[in-house]
């Protein structure tokens, strides 16, 4: 009989934490101990006086959540803010028992299993009716453990425009028990070795009125309870994979990390929140990037992609960037041509670290010869440099925003030339002519192989266009150096800092 991943995770956790050999070895003693751990991490609250402070330290607490008192439901507690007390009461009641009959029949509720629902009562005749699904007390206890344990990957997922929805979400791989134990063992090591105290630090917002009012915001752990959690929750699943990949660099756990990554190659992941669950998996190519310890840098770089029409990320364009993050995450997960085309449809400029992602996609998925990809990259890099130097001549470097807008305008013109080309030779002629006029220089000789293959038709027109557009969006290293030394860089950092502000106290 197949066990639901939500219950299976708790079984693996109990076996791993208590050194048990089989599921049959689990007793109420181990269950109660894990539930008490979960109850102790049910919420988070400030540990000190935050008045007059810019930041405040948080800690876990077994108190019920109360946002008005700045006691926030911990991200590992899979419940809604309004219904969390039902979960708390169920765990507290079970922990207060001396012993229970684990095989006794039980009507399980959505507060205990977040994906359970009212229309989950199935009869032998095939009818579906109202009623809570039948289970056992053992199943209930397993569900309560998974709903509360801090030893699972989780984050608060933010979505929507206007009224922001914030949902505690866990990421669970659907592996067999043995592989799940390895996953849990590695995740525990990640938390011990890689997480620092900043995870439990939150900003304090100062509101000015007749008197100053200091409001503590949720701590960084809400972005994810794993290292290098992304600023954008849409990228959480990919960031988790990147964090696992980073462990391949650690000698004492590299073998375990590689085994875990291998088990994830044909595995479904479940993103589970209160009342909903979605399924996804990772492409083998993306897992190989994680195995090489390269994925984390790519995920970090995606946050600094700049949409041409929007400029830098800010609170005013957060929804547009949220859409981009969703499609970027989908591309990284699925890693096929339709997902890539959706990703490319967002006209944007990429940090230089995205180069590895593009190289991997064109070589692994499009099966384009690596020498042609390298040659196309040289031409794309040249186009980006042409756009930058042209914008620099026009507006100078005293105002970085104006410079980036001017450069984006040139890149859009060049992309339009690429999109409108009806043949490979027209693609090369239009693009090279336009860029040559702007720069006064010829295209680099290293780009000749790509130009020959595109012009002759040996490289399909669609692939030639995608190669050129994608690589022309990579920022030049010269520009990134200029950006670091620019006096305006501090304002960039400040604005990115503002984007990390959440929507607490709902």
Protein backbone atom coordinates (compact mmCIF):
# COMPACT_ATOMS: atom_id res chain seq x y z
CA UNK A 1 0.00 0.00 0.00
CA UNK A 2 1.34 3.42 -0.98
CA UNK A 3 1.72 5.89 1.86
CA UNK A 4 1.05 9.57 1.20
CA UNK A 5 4.26 11.63 1.15
CA UNK A 6 3.00 13.76 4.06
CA UNK A 7 2.75 10.73 6.32
CA UNK A 8 5.81 9.01 4.86
CA UNK A 9 7.98 12.01 5.74
CA UNK A 10 7.04 11.64 9.40
CA UNK A 11 7.82 7.91 9.33
CA UNK A 12 11.28 8.58 7.89
CA UNK A 13 11.84 11.38 10.42
CA UNK A 14 10.93 9.14 13.36
CA UNK A 15 13.18 6.34 12.11
CA UNK A 16 16.12 8.66 11.42
CA UNK A 17 15.88 10.65 14.66
CA UNK A 18 15.43 7.61 16.91
CA UNK A 19 17.57 5.01 15.14
CA UNK A 20 14.64 2.72 14.31
CA UNK A 21 14.97 -0.04 11.72
CA UNK A 22 11.38 -0.39 10.51
CA UNK A 23 8.08 1.44 10.65
CA UNK A 24 6.79 -1.26 13.03
CA UNK A 25 9.39 -0.15 15.60
CA UNK A 26 7.68 3.23 16.02
CA UNK A 27 5.92 3.63 19.36
CA UNK A 28 3.95 6.43 20.97
CA UNK A 29 7.07 7.36 22.95
CA UNK A 30 8.95 8.48 19.80
CA UNK A 31 5.84 10.11 18.36
CA UNK A 32 5.25 12.14 21.53
CA UNK A 33 8.88 13.29 21.60
CA UNK A 34 8.72 14.61 18.02
CA UNK A 35 5.39 16.31 18.63
CA UNK A 36 6.83 18.09 21.67
CA UNK A 37 9.72 19.32 19.49
CA UNK A 38 7.21 20.61 16.96
CA UNK A 39 5.16 22.33 19.64
CA UNK A 40 8.31 24.07 20.93
CA UNK A 41 8.83 25.51 17.44
CA UNK A 42 5.19 26.38 16.75
CA UNK A 43 5.71 30.17 16.65
CA UNK A 44 8.48 32.76 16.69
CA UNK A 45 8.65 35.94 18.76
CA UNK A 46 11.15 38.74 19.51
CA UNK A 47 13.51 37.90 22.37
CA UNK A 48 14.42 41.43 23.44
CA UNK A 49 13.37 45.06 23.42
CA UNK A 50 13.05 46.27 19.83
CA UNK A 51 12.10 49.89 20.57
CA UNK A 52 14.63 52.25 19.02
CA UNK A 53 16.33 49.34 17.24
CA UNK A 54 16.79 48.68 13.51
CA UNK A 55 16.76 44.90 13.95
CA UNK A 56 15.60 42.39 16.53
CA UNK A 57 16.51 38.79 17.37
CA UNK A 58 13.75 36.16 17.32
CA UNK A 59 13.47 32.71 18.84
CA UNK A 60 11.05 29.79 18.61
CA UNK A 61 8.29 29.55 21.19
CA UNK A 62 5.56 27.06 22.05
CA UNK A 63 3.04 29.89 22.42
CA UNK A 64 0.09 30.15 20.06
CA UNK A 65 0.56 32.64 17.25
CA UNK A 66 -0.79 36.16 17.78
CA UNK A 67 0.32 38.63 15.10
CA UNK A 68 -1.00 41.58 17.11
CA UNK A 69 1.57 40.73 19.79
CA UNK A 70 4.22 40.01 17.11
CA UNK A 71 4.12 36.29 17.86
CA UNK A 72 4.18 34.90 14.33
CA UNK A 73 3.28 31.40 13.20
CA UNK A 74 6.65 29.75 12.44
CA UNK A 75 7.15 28.94 8.73
CA UNK A 76 7.51 25.22 9.55
CA UNK A 77 3.97 25.17 11.00
CA UNK A 78 1.80 24.24 8.03
CA UNK A 79 -1.47 25.93 8.87
CA UNK A 80 -3.28 29.17 8.22
CA UNK A 81 -3.00 32.02 10.71
CA UNK A 82 -6.71 31.75 11.47
CA UNK A 83 -6.87 27.94 11.83
CA UNK A 84 -3.50 27.37 13.54
CA UNK A 85 -5.11 27.07 16.98
CA UNK A 86 -6.87 23.86 15.83
CA UNK A 87 -3.50 22.32 14.94
CA UNK A 88 -1.98 23.57 18.20
CA UNK A 89 -4.79 22.08 20.26
CA UNK A 90 -4.53 18.72 18.49
CA UNK A 91 -0.77 18.52 19.09
CA UNK A 92 -1.08 19.73 22.70
CA UNK A 93 -3.83 17.19 23.43
CA UNK A 94 -1.77 14.31 21.99
CA UNK A 95 1.33 15.40 23.95
CA UNK A 96 -0.70 15.38 27.17
CA UNK A 97 -1.68 11.72 26.70
CA UNK A 98 0.23 8.99 28.52
CA UNK A 99 -0.58 6.42 25.87
CA UNK A 100 -2.95 5.99 22.95
CA UNK A 101 -4.25 3.21 20.71
CA UNK A 102 -2.43 4.01 17.48
CA UNK A 103 -4.59 1.61 15.44
CA UNK A 104 -7.90 3.14 16.52
CA UNK A 105 -10.01 4.60 13.69
CA UNK A 106 -9.94 8.37 13.42
CA UNK A 107 -11.65 11.04 11.28
CA UNK A 108 -8.82 13.29 10.24
CA UNK A 109 -9.32 17.03 9.67
CA UNK A 110 -7.70 19.62 7.41
CA UNK A 111 -6.09 21.25 10.44
CA UNK A 112 -4.12 18.04 10.91
CA UNK A 113 -3.47 17.17 7.25
CA UNK A 114 -3.43 20.46 5.29
CA UNK A 115 -4.37 18.79 1.99
CA UNK A 116 -7.33 16.95 3.53
CA UNK A 117 -10.75 18.29 2.67
CA UNK A 118 -14.44 17.93 3.31
CA UNK A 119 -15.03 16.03 0.05
CA UNK A 120 -12.53 13.26 0.79
CA UNK A 121 -14.91 10.56 1.98
CA UNK A 122 -14.74 7.68 -0.51
CA UNK A 123 -17.03 4.65 -0.50
CA UNK A 124 -16.43 1.15 -1.90
CA UNK A 125 -18.99 1.88 -4.61
CA UNK A 126 -16.85 4.74 -5.92
CA UNK A 127 -19.03 7.58 -4.65
CA UNK A 128 -17.48 10.71 -3.19
CA UNK A 129 -19.33 12.40 -0.37
CA UNK A 130 -19.03 14.88 2.40
CA UNK A 131 -17.10 13.83 5.46
CA UNK A 132 -13.62 13.71 6.87
CA UNK A 133 -11.43 10.91 5.43
CA UNK A 134 -11.07 7.78 7.55
CA UNK A 135 -7.64 7.09 9.00
CA UNK A 136 -6.04 5.85 12.21
CA UNK A 137 -4.67 7.64 15.24
CA UNK A 138 -1.24 6.62 13.96
CA UNK A 139 -1.89 8.47 10.67
CA UNK A 140 -3.11 11.49 12.62
CA UNK A 141 0.06 11.54 14.71
CA UNK A 142 2.25 11.27 11.59
CA UNK A 143 0.39 14.18 10.01
CA UNK A 144 0.80 16.30 13.14
CA UNK A 145 4.55 15.61 13.14
CA UNK A 146 5.00 16.68 9.52
CA UNK A 147 2.78 19.74 10.06
CA UNK A 148 4.95 21.03 12.92
CA UNK A 149 8.50 19.69 12.66
CA UNK A 150 11.26 22.20 11.94
CA UNK A 151 13.25 19.41 10.27
CA UNK A 152 11.69 19.87 6.85
CA UNK A 153 12.41 22.46 4.12
CA UNK A 154 9.89 25.27 4.36
CA UNK A 155 9.30 28.94 3.63
CA UNK A 156 6.50 31.46 3.56
CA UNK A 157 5.28 31.70 -0.02
CA UNK A 158 4.13 35.17 -1.06
CA UNK A 159 1.84 35.59 -4.06
CA UNK A 160 -0.75 37.88 -5.56
CA UNK A 161 -1.06 41.57 -6.35
CA UNK A 162 -2.58 44.19 -4.08
CA UNK A 163 -3.62 41.95 -1.19
CA UNK A 164 -0.62 39.67 -0.71
CA UNK A 165 -1.23 36.03 0.18
CA UNK A 166 1.36 34.56 2.55
CA UNK A 167 1.26 30.81 3.01
CA UNK A 168 3.55 28.61 5.07
CA UNK A 169 4.72 26.01 2.57
CA UNK A 170 6.86 22.89 2.94
CA UNK A 171 8.82 21.14 0.17
CA UNK A 172 8.74 17.36 0.49
CA UNK A 173 10.35 14.85 -1.91
CA UNK A 174 8.32 11.72 -2.65
CA UNK A 175 11.11 9.21 -2.00
CA UNK A 176 11.08 5.77 -0.45
CA UNK A 177 11.70 5.63 3.30
CA UNK A 178 15.42 4.84 3.04
CA UNK A 179 16.11 7.74 0.66
CA UNK A 180 13.89 10.04 2.72
CA UNK A 181 16.02 9.23 5.77
CA UNK A 182 19.13 10.27 3.82
CA UNK A 183 17.36 13.48 2.75
CA UNK A 184 16.43 14.29 6.36
CA UNK A 185 19.92 13.46 7.61
CA UNK A 186 21.45 15.81 5.03
CA UNK A 187 18.92 18.55 5.70
CA UNK A 188 19.73 18.36 9.40
CA UNK A 189 23.45 18.73 8.61
CA UNK A 190 22.70 21.70 6.36
CA UNK A 191 20.89 23.42 9.20
CA UNK A 192 23.71 22.72 11.67
CA UNK A 193 26.65 23.58 9.39
CA UNK A 194 25.36 26.31 7.09
CA UNK A 195 22.75 28.38 8.89
CA UNK A 196 23.80 31.39 10.94
CA UNK A 197 22.15 33.59 13.54
CA UNK A 198 20.93 36.08 10.90
CA UNK A 199 18.18 33.61 10.02
CA UNK A 200 16.33 34.57 13.21
CA UNK A 201 16.81 38.32 12.80
CA UNK A 202 14.01 40.61 11.67
CA UNK A 203 13.89 44.27 10.75
CA UNK A 204 12.13 46.82 12.92
CA UNK A 205 10.02 49.38 11.11
CA UNK A 206 9.66 52.82 12.64
CA UNK A 207 6.33 54.56 11.99
CA UNK A 208 6.26 58.27 12.72
CA UNK A 209 3.21 59.91 14.22
CA UNK A 210 2.52 61.77 17.43
CA UNK A 211 4.84 59.21 18.94
CA UNK A 212 7.29 56.85 17.30
CA UNK A 213 5.94 53.34 16.85
CA UNK A 214 8.36 50.45 16.38
CA UNK A 215 7.03 47.37 14.57
CA UNK A 216 9.11 44.17 14.41
CA UNK A 217 8.86 42.42 11.05
CA UNK A 218 9.09 38.69 10.47
CA UNK A 219 12.63 37.26 10.67
CA UNK A 220 14.66 36.05 7.69
CA UNK A 221 13.70 32.41 8.29
CA UNK A 222 10.40 33.14 6.53
CA UNK A 223 12.37 33.38 3.26
CA UNK A 224 13.38 29.75 3.83
CA UNK A 225 14.88 27.67 6.63
CA UNK A 226 17.87 26.66 4.49
CA UNK A 227 21.05 28.51 3.45
CA UNK A 228 20.95 31.20 0.76
CA UNK A 229 17.18 31.30 0.76
CA UNK A 230 15.99 33.52 -2.12
CA UNK A 231 14.49 36.97 -1.77
CA UNK A 232 11.69 35.72 -4.03
CA UNK A 233 9.69 32.78 -2.68
CA UNK A 234 8.91 31.65 -6.25
CA UNK A 235 12.52 30.49 -6.46
CA UNK A 236 12.41 28.62 -3.15
CA UNK A 237 12.40 25.08 -4.57
CA UNK A 238 15.37 25.78 -6.85
CA UNK A 239 17.23 27.49 -4.00
CA UNK A 240 16.72 24.39 -1.86
CA UNK A 241 18.25 22.24 -4.58
CA UNK A 242 21.16 24.69 -4.77
CA UNK A 243 21.67 24.45 -1.01
CA UNK A 244 21.82 20.66 -1.24
CA UNK A 245 24.30 20.98 -4.09
CA UNK A 246 26.57 23.18 -1.99
CA UNK A 247 26.98 20.28 0.43
CA UNK A 248 28.83 18.30 -2.26
CA UNK A 249 31.76 20.63 -1.51
CA UNK A 250 31.89 19.49 2.13
CA UNK A 251 34.21 16.49 2.45
CA UNK A 252 32.44 14.86 5.40
CA UNK A 253 29.00 14.87 3.74
CA UNK A 254 29.78 15.07 0.00
CA UNK A 255 29.00 11.37 -0.50
CA UNK A 256 25.65 11.72 1.27
CA UNK A 257 24.83 14.89 -0.69
CA UNK A 258 25.56 13.16 -4.01
CA UNK A 259 23.36 10.21 -3.04
CA UNK A 260 20.52 12.57 -2.18
CA UNK A 261 20.87 14.45 -5.46
CA UNK A 262 20.91 11.17 -7.38
CA UNK A 263 17.67 10.10 -5.69
CA UNK A 264 16.02 13.39 -6.74
CA UNK A 265 16.59 12.83 -10.48
CA UNK A 266 13.34 10.92 -10.97
CA UNK A 267 11.47 12.20 -7.97
CA UNK A 268 8.35 14.31 -7.57
CA UNK A 269 8.44 17.11 -5.03
CA UNK A 270 5.32 18.34 -3.26
CA UNK A 271 4.89 21.98 -2.27
CA UNK A 272 2.25 21.72 0.44
CA UNK A 273 0.43 24.57 2.14
CA UNK A 274 -2.83 24.75 4.05
CA UNK A 275 -5.60 23.68 1.67
CA UNK A 276 -3.44 23.09 -1.38
CA UNK A 277 -0.57 21.09 -2.83
CA UNK A 278 1.35 21.25 -6.11
CA UNK A 279 3.73 18.76 -7.68
CA UNK A 280 6.98 19.48 -9.50
CA UNK A 281 10.24 17.78 -10.40
CA UNK A 282 13.74 18.81 -11.44
CA UNK A 283 15.43 18.28 -14.79
CA UNK A 284 18.49 16.03 -14.74
CA UNK A 285 20.54 18.89 -16.21
CA UNK A 286 19.64 21.18 -13.32
CA UNK A 287 20.46 18.48 -10.79
CA UNK A 288 23.87 18.05 -12.48
CA UNK A 289 24.47 21.78 -11.99
CA UNK A 290 23.61 21.29 -8.31
CA UNK A 291 26.02 18.33 -8.12
CA UNK A 292 28.78 20.58 -9.44
CA UNK A 293 27.95 23.19 -6.80
CA UNK A 294 27.00 25.75 -9.48
CA UNK A 295 23.26 26.12 -9.01
CA UNK A 296 23.22 28.39 -5.96
CA UNK A 297 25.11 31.14 -7.79
CA UNK A 298 22.63 30.97 -10.69
CA UNK A 299 19.63 31.25 -8.36
CA UNK A 300 21.20 34.19 -6.54
CA UNK A 301 21.80 35.93 -9.87
CA UNK A 302 18.18 35.60 -11.01
CA UNK A 303 17.13 38.09 -8.34
CA UNK A 304 19.27 40.73 -10.04
CA UNK A 305 17.78 40.30 -13.51
CA UNK A 306 16.43 43.68 -14.68
CA UNK A 307 13.30 43.82 -16.83
CA UNK A 308 13.73 46.45 -19.56
CA UNK A 309 10.35 48.09 -18.94
CA UNK A 310 10.55 48.00 -15.16
CA UNK A 311 14.12 48.91 -14.23
CA UNK A 312 15.43 47.70 -10.91
CA UNK A 313 13.20 45.77 -8.52
CA UNK A 314 11.18 47.93 -6.18
CA UNK A 315 7.96 47.72 -4.22
CA UNK A 316 6.15 49.48 -7.10
CA UNK A 317 6.94 46.77 -9.67
CA UNK A 318 6.98 43.75 -7.34
CA UNK A 319 4.09 42.00 -9.12
CA UNK A 320 5.82 42.16 -12.53
CA UNK A 321 8.96 40.69 -11.06
CA UNK A 322 6.93 38.05 -9.26
CA UNK A 323 5.63 36.88 -12.66
CA UNK A 324 9.18 36.74 -14.00
CA UNK A 325 10.33 34.74 -10.96
CA UNK A 326 7.52 32.22 -11.49
CA UNK A 327 8.50 31.62 -15.10
CA UNK A 328 12.21 31.56 -14.23
CA UNK A 329 11.51 28.91 -11.59
CA UNK A 330 9.39 26.93 -14.06
CA UNK A 331 12.20 27.07 -16.63
CA UNK A 332 14.74 25.82 -14.12
CA UNK A 333 12.46 22.98 -13.03
CA UNK A 334 11.20 21.77 -16.40
CA UNK A 335 14.17 22.92 -18.52
CA UNK A 336 12.63 22.33 -21.96
CA UNK A 337 12.03 24.49 -25.03
CA UNK A 338 8.50 25.77 -24.19
CA UNK A 339 9.64 26.76 -20.68
CA UNK A 340 12.72 28.46 -22.13
CA UNK A 341 10.63 30.43 -24.63
CA UNK A 342 8.39 31.64 -21.80
CA UNK A 343 11.50 32.68 -19.86
CA UNK A 344 12.95 34.47 -22.90
CA UNK A 345 9.65 36.28 -23.49
CA UNK A 346 10.45 38.52 -20.51
CA UNK A 347 12.71 41.13 -22.11
CA UNK A 348 15.42 41.60 -19.54
CA UNK A 349 19.13 41.90 -18.93
CA UNK A 350 20.91 39.12 -17.04
CA UNK A 351 23.83 39.14 -14.59
CA UNK A 352 26.92 37.49 -16.03
CA UNK A 353 26.50 34.38 -13.84
CA UNK A 354 23.43 33.35 -15.90
CA UNK A 355 25.88 32.45 -18.69
CA UNK A 356 26.39 28.97 -17.24
CA UNK A 357 22.62 28.35 -17.24
CA UNK A 358 22.35 29.38 -20.90
CA UNK A 359 25.37 27.27 -21.89
CA UNK A 360 23.83 24.25 -20.18
CA UNK A 361 20.43 24.72 -21.80
CA UNK A 362 21.65 25.17 -25.37
CA UNK A 363 24.17 22.33 -25.13
CA UNK A 364 22.09 19.78 -23.18
CA UNK A 365 18.53 20.48 -24.31
CA UNK A 366 18.90 22.04 -27.78
CA UNK A 367 21.87 19.76 -28.59
CA UNK A 368 23.77 22.60 -30.26
CA UNK A 369 27.50 22.04 -30.72
CA UNK A 370 29.41 23.67 -27.86
CA UNK A 371 31.73 25.49 -30.28
CA UNK A 372 28.72 27.12 -31.96
CA UNK A 373 27.30 28.08 -28.54
CA UNK A 374 30.64 29.64 -27.56
CA UNK A 375 30.80 31.53 -30.86
CA UNK A 376 27.22 32.80 -30.44
CA UNK A 377 28.10 33.92 -26.92
CA UNK A 378 30.97 36.04 -28.27
CA UNK A 379 28.63 37.80 -30.67
CA UNK A 380 26.00 38.29 -27.99
CA UNK A 381 28.59 39.69 -25.58
CA UNK A 382 29.71 42.12 -28.28
CA UNK A 383 26.13 43.31 -28.86
CA UNK A 384 25.68 43.92 -25.13
CA UNK A 385 28.95 45.87 -25.00
CA UNK A 386 27.86 47.91 -28.02
CA UNK A 387 24.60 48.80 -26.26
CA UNK A 388 26.46 49.78 -23.10
CA UNK A 389 29.10 51.91 -24.81
CA UNK A 390 26.44 53.60 -26.96
CA UNK A 391 24.36 54.46 -23.87
CA UNK A 392 27.46 55.62 -22.04
CA UNK A 393 28.27 58.08 -24.85
CA UNK A 394 24.70 59.35 -24.82
CA UNK A 395 24.05 59.91 -21.10
CA UNK A 396 27.36 59.34 -19.28
CA UNK A 397 27.68 57.47 -15.97
CA UNK A 398 26.65 60.13 -13.45
CA UNK A 399 23.09 58.74 -13.24
CA UNK A 400 23.00 54.95 -13.33
CA UNK A 401 19.24 54.71 -13.87
CA UNK A 402 19.41 56.91 -16.98
CA UNK A 403 22.33 54.89 -18.29
CA UNK A 404 20.48 51.58 -17.86
CA UNK A 405 17.35 52.98 -19.55
CA UNK A 406 19.39 54.19 -22.50
CA UNK A 407 21.14 50.83 -22.79
CA UNK A 408 17.83 48.95 -22.60
CA UNK A 409 16.53 51.05 -25.47
CA UNK A 410 19.47 50.01 -27.66
CA UNK A 411 19.10 46.34 -26.70
CA UNK A 412 15.39 46.43 -27.59
CA UNK A 413 16.29 47.85 -31.02
CA UNK A 414 18.86 45.11 -31.59
CA UNK A 415 16.43 42.42 -30.44
CA UNK A 416 13.80 43.79 -32.81
CA UNK A 417 16.28 43.32 -35.66
CA UNK A 418 16.81 39.74 -34.57
CA UNK A 419 13.08 38.99 -34.20
CA UNK A 420 12.18 40.47 -37.58
CA UNK A 421 14.78 38.53 -39.59
CA UNK A 422 13.20 36.08 -42.04
CA UNK A 423 16.38 34.11 -42.76
CA UNK A 424 19.74 33.34 -41.22
CA UNK A 425 21.70 35.61 -43.54
CA UNK A 426 19.24 38.47 -42.93
CA UNK A 427 19.61 37.92 -39.18
CA UNK A 428 23.38 38.36 -39.37
CA UNK A 429 23.28 41.24 -41.87
CA UNK A 430 20.70 43.36 -40.02
CA UNK A 431 22.17 42.82 -36.57
CA UNK A 432 25.84 43.29 -37.49
CA UNK A 433 25.09 46.36 -39.60
CA UNK A 434 23.09 48.04 -36.85
CA UNK A 435 25.63 47.26 -34.12
CA UNK A 436 28.54 48.25 -36.39
CA UNK A 437 27.03 51.69 -36.98
CA UNK A 438 26.56 52.24 -33.27
CA UNK A 439 30.06 51.17 -32.28
CA UNK A 440 32.19 51.85 -35.35
CA UNK A 441 33.77 48.40 -34.92
CA UNK A 442 33.47 45.03 -36.60
CA UNK A 443 32.06 41.95 -34.87
CA UNK A 444 34.67 39.81 -33.08
CA UNK A 445 36.38 37.12 -35.16
CA UNK A 446 35.46 34.51 -32.53
CA UNK A 447 31.83 34.96 -33.65
CA UNK A 448 32.53 33.87 -37.22
CA UNK A 449 31.53 30.20 -36.72
CA UNK A 450 28.08 31.15 -35.43
CA UNK A 451 27.60 33.69 -38.23
CA UNK A 452 28.58 31.13 -40.88
CA UNK A 453 26.25 28.43 -39.53
CA UNK A 454 23.35 30.88 -39.14
CA UNK A 455 23.81 32.51 -42.55
CA UNK A 456 24.04 29.16 -44.35
CA UNK A 457 20.93 27.80 -42.63
CA UNK A 458 22.88 24.92 -41.11
CA UNK A 459 21.85 26.33 -37.73
CA UNK A 460 18.01 26.60 -37.69
CA UNK A 461 16.78 30.20 -37.67
CA UNK A 462 14.82 29.87 -34.40
CA UNK A 463 17.84 28.47 -32.59
CA UNK A 464 20.07 31.19 -34.03
CA UNK A 465 17.66 33.88 -32.83
CA UNK A 466 17.36 32.39 -29.35
CA UNK A 467 21.13 32.07 -29.00
CA UNK A 468 21.76 35.64 -30.05
CA UNK A 469 18.99 37.18 -27.97
CA UNK A 470 19.86 35.20 -24.83
CA UNK A 471 23.59 35.95 -24.90
CA UNK A 472 23.10 39.60 -25.87
CA UNK A 473 21.24 40.03 -22.56
CA UNK A 474 24.26 39.07 -20.44
CA UNK A 475 25.76 42.13 -18.83
CA UNK A 476 29.37 42.76 -19.78
CA UNK A 477 32.00 42.42 -17.10
CA UNK A 478 33.09 46.02 -17.82
CA UNK A 479 29.60 47.26 -16.96
CA UNK A 480 29.47 45.25 -13.74
CA UNK A 481 32.84 46.73 -12.73
CA UNK A 482 31.53 50.23 -13.46
CA UNK A 483 28.43 49.49 -11.40
CA UNK A 484 30.49 48.48 -8.36
CA UNK A 485 32.50 51.69 -8.51
CA UNK A 486 29.50 53.90 -9.26
CA UNK A 487 28.48 56.38 -6.56
CA UNK A 488 24.91 55.30 -7.21
CA UNK A 489 25.60 51.75 -6.10
CA UNK A 490 24.60 52.46 -2.52
CA UNK A 491 21.12 53.46 -3.62
CA UNK A 492 20.85 50.17 -5.53
CA UNK A 493 21.67 48.23 -2.40
CA UNK A 494 19.17 50.26 -0.40
CA UNK A 495 16.40 49.61 -2.91
CA UNK A 496 17.08 45.89 -2.98
CA UNK A 497 17.01 45.95 0.81
CA UNK A 498 13.56 47.54 0.65
CA UNK A 499 12.32 44.71 -1.56
CA UNK A 500 12.92 42.19 1.20
CA UNK A 501 10.28 43.81 3.39
CA UNK A 502 7.37 41.48 3.98
CA UNK A 503 3.72 42.10 4.70
CA UNK A 504 3.51 41.17 8.37
CA UNK A 505 0.70 41.67 10.82
CA UNK A 506 -2.15 40.54 8.62
